Amino acid sequence: PEAGRVQLNDFNVVTERVNAQRSLAYLPQSPSFHPRLTCTEVLRFYARLRGVPPDRCGLVIGLTELDDFAQVPTGALSGGTRQRLGLALLLLADAPVLLLDEPGLSLDPGWRKRLQETLHFESQHGKTVLVTTHLVAEWNNVADRCLLCRDGAIECELDPTDLPHDFDEVKSTAATLIN
């Protein structure tokens, strides 16, 4: 970093990198897994890496309703099911900070709602949940705070109870400034 400081769960990400990483669980927009490994094998692999008891794998399989896919190779999974496996991995380590990048893009509407409910539950139990998304309207009345970022910087804070309107206002203002 050229300036500033970033801390995760009170750990400096530069000087206490390993502890900071242990405090974080991440779900990318398009998670990918070795195509020949089953869902269970993927979860057990990451459980060993994170020092998580193996019985937690069964718990997150149940939470993400992957029971019917537990022994299916990940290469045979649909995009939505692969995203649910990514959600299972996110929950596996029970990390205090959850970071998700466009988590709902591959999910059907029912699972997008279920994702939001799961994240709300996690935040109600003391976790910090940060979601990046372009699907702003879907998160209306879901988030506690909404920050609009542009070119790597926070541009403004939007009202989380009126995201479609606030977002349209910002786009309108931005268009006026550009013209």
Protein backbone atom coordinates (compact mmCIF):
# COMPACT_ATOMS: atom_id res chain seq x y z
CA PRO A 1 0.00 0.00 0.00
CA GLU A 2 1.08 3.54 -0.72
CA ALA A 3 -0.96 5.02 2.11
CA GLY A 4 -3.45 4.12 4.77
CA ARG A 5 -4.04 0.92 6.65
CA VAL A 6 -6.50 -1.97 6.35
CA GLN A 7 -7.48 -4.15 9.29
CA LEU A 8 -9.62 -7.25 9.40
CA ASN A 9 -10.88 -8.21 12.84
CA ASP A 10 -8.18 -5.97 14.35
CA PHE A 11 -5.40 -7.60 12.30
CA ASN A 12 -3.33 -5.46 9.95
CA VAL A 13 -3.53 -7.10 6.50
CA VAL A 14 0.12 -6.28 5.77
CA THR A 15 1.92 -6.98 9.03
CA GLU A 16 -0.46 -9.70 10.34
CA ARG A 17 -1.49 -11.17 7.00
CA VAL A 18 -2.14 -14.78 8.07
CA ASN A 19 -4.34 -13.79 11.03
CA ALA A 20 -6.19 -11.28 8.84
CA GLN A 21 -6.81 -13.97 6.21
CA ARG A 22 -8.11 -16.38 8.85
CA SER A 23 -10.67 -13.73 9.77
CA LEU A 24 -12.07 -13.63 6.24
CA ALA A 25 -14.17 -15.92 4.08
CA TYR A 26 -14.61 -15.00 0.41
CA LEU A 27 -17.11 -16.00 -2.26
CA PRO A 28 -16.05 -14.94 -5.77
CA GLN A 29 -18.52 -14.13 -8.52
CA SER A 30 -17.80 -17.38 -10.35
CA PRO A 31 -16.22 -19.96 -8.04
CA SER A 32 -14.42 -22.78 -9.77
CA PHE A 33 -13.37 -26.15 -8.47
CA HIS A 34 -11.45 -29.12 -9.79
CA PRO A 35 -14.06 -30.74 -12.04
CA ARG A 36 -13.39 -34.30 -10.85
CA LEU A 37 -13.71 -33.56 -7.13
CA THR A 38 -17.11 -34.04 -5.53
CA CYS A 39 -18.76 -31.37 -3.40
CA THR A 40 -17.84 -33.32 -0.28
CA GLU A 41 -14.21 -33.68 -1.38
CA VAL A 42 -13.95 -29.94 -2.05
CA LEU A 43 -15.40 -29.11 1.35
CA ARG A 44 -13.15 -31.60 3.17
CA PHE A 45 -10.08 -30.22 1.38
CA TYR A 46 -10.89 -26.66 2.48
CA ALA A 47 -11.83 -27.85 5.97
CA ARG A 48 -8.31 -29.29 6.34
CA LEU A 49 -6.76 -26.06 5.04
CA ARG A 50 -8.76 -23.92 7.46
CA GLY A 51 -8.44 -26.28 10.44
CA VAL A 52 -12.20 -26.84 10.54
CA PRO A 53 -13.63 -30.05 12.02
CA PRO A 54 -14.75 -32.41 9.20
CA ASP A 55 -18.27 -32.73 10.63
CA ARG A 56 -18.87 -29.06 9.73
CA CYS A 57 -18.81 -30.13 6.06
CA GLY A 58 -22.07 -32.02 6.53
CA LEU A 59 -23.60 -29.04 8.29
CA VAL A 60 -22.89 -26.60 5.43
CA ILE A 61 -24.00 -29.19 2.85
CA GLY A 62 -27.33 -29.26 4.65
CA LEU A 63 -27.53 -25.46 5.00
CA THR A 64 -27.01 -25.01 1.25
CA GLU A 65 -29.23 -27.97 0.34
CA LEU A 66 -26.44 -29.80 -1.46
CA ASP A 67 -27.31 -33.20 0.02
CA ASP A 68 -28.31 -34.61 -3.39
CA PHE A 69 -25.06 -33.29 -4.91
CA ALA A 70 -22.61 -34.27 -2.15
CA GLN A 71 -21.04 -37.07 -4.23
CA VAL A 72 -21.43 -35.37 -7.64
CA PRO A 73 -18.24 -34.16 -9.36
CA THR A 74 -18.22 -30.36 -9.48
CA GLY A 75 -17.70 -30.45 -13.25
CA ALA A 76 -21.26 -31.80 -13.57
CA LEU A 77 -22.86 -29.02 -11.48
CA SER A 78 -24.97 -26.20 -12.90
CA GLY A 79 -23.78 -22.63 -12.32
CA GLY A 80 -26.31 -22.11 -9.54
CA THR A 81 -25.36 -25.33 -7.75
CA ARG A 82 -21.68 -24.44 -8.06
CA GLN A 83 -22.51 -21.05 -6.51
CA ARG A 84 -24.27 -22.84 -3.62
CA LEU A 85 -21.10 -24.89 -3.11
CA GLY A 86 -19.23 -21.58 -2.98
CA LEU A 87 -21.69 -20.41 -0.33
CA ALA A 88 -21.06 -23.63 1.62
CA LEU A 89 -17.32 -22.85 1.50
CA LEU A 90 -17.99 -19.30 2.65
CA LEU A 91 -19.84 -20.62 5.71
CA LEU A 92 -17.44 -23.51 6.36
CA ALA A 93 -14.76 -21.64 8.29
CA ASP A 94 -17.20 -19.60 10.43
CA ALA A 95 -15.05 -16.52 9.79
CA PRO A 96 -16.07 -13.21 11.39
CA VAL A 97 -15.84 -11.30 8.07
CA LEU A 98 -17.67 -12.48 4.94
CA LEU A 99 -16.83 -10.92 1.57
CA LEU A 100 -18.99 -11.76 -1.44
CA ASP A 101 -18.57 -10.59 -5.04
CA GLU A 102 -21.82 -10.65 -7.07
CA PRO A 103 -23.08 -13.68 -5.13
CA GLY A 104 -26.53 -13.87 -6.68
CA LEU A 105 -25.77 -13.79 -10.41
CA SER A 106 -25.91 -17.57 -10.95
CA LEU A 107 -28.72 -18.22 -8.49
CA ASP A 108 -32.41 -18.49 -9.27
CA PRO A 109 -34.74 -15.98 -7.52
CA GLY A 110 -35.57 -18.38 -4.68
CA TRP A 111 -31.93 -18.99 -3.89
CA ARG A 112 -31.07 -15.29 -4.15
CA LYS A 113 -33.67 -14.68 -1.43
CA ARG A 114 -32.28 -17.58 0.60
CA LEU A 115 -28.76 -16.13 0.22
CA GLN A 116 -29.96 -12.80 1.59
CA GLU A 117 -31.66 -14.53 4.52
CA THR A 118 -28.49 -16.49 5.27
CA LEU A 119 -26.34 -13.36 5.17
CA HIS A 120 -28.83 -11.49 7.36
CA PHE A 121 -28.69 -14.36 9.89
CA GLU A 122 -24.87 -14.23 9.87
CA SER A 123 -24.84 -10.45 10.39
CA GLN A 124 -27.38 -10.76 13.24
CA HIS A 125 -24.93 -13.16 14.88
CA GLY A 126 -22.05 -10.68 14.88
CA LYS A 127 -20.44 -11.17 11.50
CA THR A 128 -19.47 -8.40 9.16
CA VAL A 129 -20.92 -9.07 5.70
CA LEU A 130 -19.72 -7.10 2.68
CA VAL A 131 -21.41 -7.72 -0.67
CA THR A 132 -20.42 -6.13 -3.97
CA THR A 133 -23.16 -6.12 -6.58
CA HIS A 134 -24.58 -4.40 -9.64
CA LEU A 135 -28.04 -5.81 -8.81
CA VAL A 136 -28.77 -2.87 -6.51
CA ALA A 137 -32.58 -3.17 -6.44
CA GLU A 138 -32.41 -6.77 -5.18
CA TRP A 139 -30.71 -5.60 -2.01
CA ASN A 140 -33.29 -2.90 -1.21
CA ASN A 141 -34.30 -3.18 2.47
CA VAL A 142 -31.73 -5.94 2.99
CA ALA A 143 -28.47 -4.12 3.69
CA ASP A 144 -27.75 -1.94 6.72
CA ARG A 145 -25.55 0.37 4.65
CA CYS A 146 -24.93 0.81 0.96
CA LEU A 147 -21.86 2.53 -0.42
CA LEU A 148 -21.62 3.43 -4.09
CA CYS A 149 -18.09 2.84 -5.35
CA ARG A 150 -16.72 4.14 -8.62
CA ASP A 151 -13.17 3.76 -9.90
CA GLY A 152 -12.06 2.21 -6.62
CA ALA A 153 -13.33 4.99 -4.38
CA ILE A 154 -16.47 5.47 -2.32
CA GLU A 155 -18.53 8.06 -4.13
CA CYS A 156 -21.45 8.31 -1.71
CA GLU A 157 -23.72 6.43 0.67
CA LEU A 158 -27.17 5.41 -0.54
CA ASP A 159 -30.32 4.88 1.52
CA PRO A 160 -30.59 1.08 1.91
CA THR A 161 -34.39 1.35 2.08
CA ASP A 162 -34.67 3.21 -1.24
CA LEU A 163 -31.80 1.87 -3.34
CA PRO A 164 -33.46 1.95 -6.79
CA HIS A 165 -34.44 5.61 -6.36
CA ASP A 166 -31.15 6.72 -4.79
CA PHE A 167 -29.15 4.84 -7.41
CA ASP A 168 -31.16 6.47 -10.23
CA GLU A 169 -30.58 9.88 -8.61
CA VAL A 170 -26.82 9.29 -8.51
CA LYS A 171 -26.78 8.12 -12.16
CA SER A 172 -28.81 11.20 -13.13
CA THR A 173 -26.47 13.51 -11.21
CA ALA A 174 -23.43 11.79 -12.69
CA ALA A 175 -24.88 12.16 -16.20
CA THR A 176 -25.52 15.87 -15.55
CA LEU A 177 -21.96 16.38 -14.35
CA ILE A 178 -20.57 14.67 -17.42
CA ASN A 179 -22.68 16.67 -19.91
